[in-house]
Protein backbone atom coordinates (compact mmCIF):
# COMPACT_ATOMS: atom_id res chain seq x y z
CA MET A 1 14.15 45.93 99.34
CA ALA A 2 16.95 47.83 97.48
CA SER A 3 19.96 48.85 99.50
CA VAL A 4 20.57 52.53 100.00
CA SER A 5 24.11 53.69 99.52
CA PRO A 6 26.10 54.81 102.58
CA ALA A 7 26.71 58.18 101.02
CA THR A 8 22.90 58.73 100.61
CA GLU A 9 22.31 57.70 104.18
CA ALA A 10 25.04 59.90 105.42
CA HIS A 11 23.47 62.84 103.69
CA ALA A 12 20.14 61.81 105.14
CA ILE A 13 21.57 62.56 108.54
CA LEU A 14 22.09 66.14 107.48
CA ARG A 15 18.63 66.47 105.91
CA ALA A 16 16.74 64.96 108.88
CA PRO A 17 14.11 67.26 110.17
CA ASP A 18 15.13 66.90 113.79
CA LEU A 19 17.91 65.44 115.98
CA ASP A 20 15.87 62.38 116.87
CA SER A 21 15.40 61.54 113.16
CA ALA A 22 19.08 62.18 112.47
CA GLU A 23 20.03 59.90 115.37
CA ARG A 24 17.94 57.12 113.96
CA VAL A 25 19.63 57.42 110.54
CA TYR A 26 23.01 57.60 112.15
CA LEU A 27 22.48 54.48 114.27
CA GLY A 28 20.93 52.69 111.26
CA LEU A 29 24.03 53.52 109.15
CA MET A 30 26.48 52.31 111.82
CA PRO A 31 24.81 49.96 114.21
CA ASP A 32 28.06 48.15 115.14
CA LEU A 33 31.88 48.31 114.67
CA GLU A 34 31.71 46.23 111.49
CA HIS A 35 29.48 48.87 109.82
CA VAL A 36 31.63 51.74 111.19
CA ASN A 37 34.76 50.13 109.72
CA ALA A 38 33.02 49.47 106.40
CA LEU A 39 31.92 53.09 106.14
CA ALA A 40 35.42 54.31 107.06
CA ARG A 41 36.98 52.09 104.35
CA ARG A 42 34.52 53.40 101.79
CA ALA A 43 35.27 56.96 102.74
CA VAL A 44 38.99 56.37 102.53
CA GLY A 45 38.55 54.74 99.14
CA LEU A 46 36.57 57.75 97.83
CA SER A 47 39.16 60.13 99.32
CA ARG A 48 41.91 58.52 97.25
CA VAL A 49 40.62 60.37 94.20
CA ALA A 50 42.98 63.21 95.10
CA ASP A 51 45.48 63.82 97.92
CA ALA A 52 43.45 66.94 98.96
CA ALA A 53 40.31 64.86 99.39
CA ARG A 54 42.25 62.31 101.51
CA GLY A 55 43.59 65.08 103.77
CA TYR A 56 40.13 66.55 104.07
CA ALA A 57 38.64 63.18 105.01
CA LEU A 58 41.24 62.57 107.60
CA SER A 59 41.09 66.04 109.07
CA MET A 60 37.27 65.96 109.41
CA THR A 61 37.37 62.47 110.86
CA LEU A 62 39.91 63.55 113.44
CA VAL A 63 37.83 66.66 114.21
CA GLY A 64 34.78 64.51 114.78
CA LEU A 65 36.59 62.00 116.98
CA ARG A 66 38.03 64.75 119.11
CA LEU A 67 34.69 66.48 119.50
CA GLN A 68 33.26 63.22 120.62
CA GLU A 69 36.10 62.75 123.12
CA LEU A 70 35.52 66.20 124.49
CA GLU A 71 31.90 65.46 125.10
CA MET A 72 32.78 62.27 126.92
CA GLY A 73 35.18 63.83 129.33
CA GLU A 74 38.80 62.80 129.67
CA PRO A 75 38.52 59.63 131.77
CA THR A 76 36.04 58.06 129.40
CA ALA A 77 37.82 59.34 126.26
CA ARG A 78 41.11 57.97 127.47
CA GLU A 79 39.55 54.49 127.72
CA HIS A 80 38.37 54.53 124.13
CA ARG A 81 41.15 56.56 122.45
CA GLN A 82 43.51 53.72 121.69
CA ALA A 83 40.90 51.50 120.05
CA THR A 84 39.52 54.51 118.09
CA LEU A 85 42.97 55.41 116.81
CA ARG A 86 43.80 51.84 115.99
CA SER A 87 40.68 51.57 113.84
CA LEU A 88 41.40 54.88 112.19
CA ARG A 89 44.94 53.91 111.32
CA GLN A 90 43.82 50.59 109.86
CA ALA A 91 41.16 52.31 107.74
CA PHE A 92 43.59 54.92 106.43
CA SER A 93 46.36 52.36 105.73
CA ALA A 94 44.00 50.09 103.74
């Protein structure tokens, strides 16, 4: 079976007919930390086309992470924040 590109799968999340379908695509795209890191590295690589794109990618990533933290509540978010920021810094420094 041919592999689908991460960008195509990411857009499939947006085109999904409902939230359950979008969630299945999302979890299929990033089932574990290794896949999350790989997608982050790919996004950073694509963002290097122009400084504006890099800033956009970082800003939107930070917005998404913070929205997730807010949904978790502060005690849970605090537990995960350092690991999340460590991964983000590694991805953007690569």
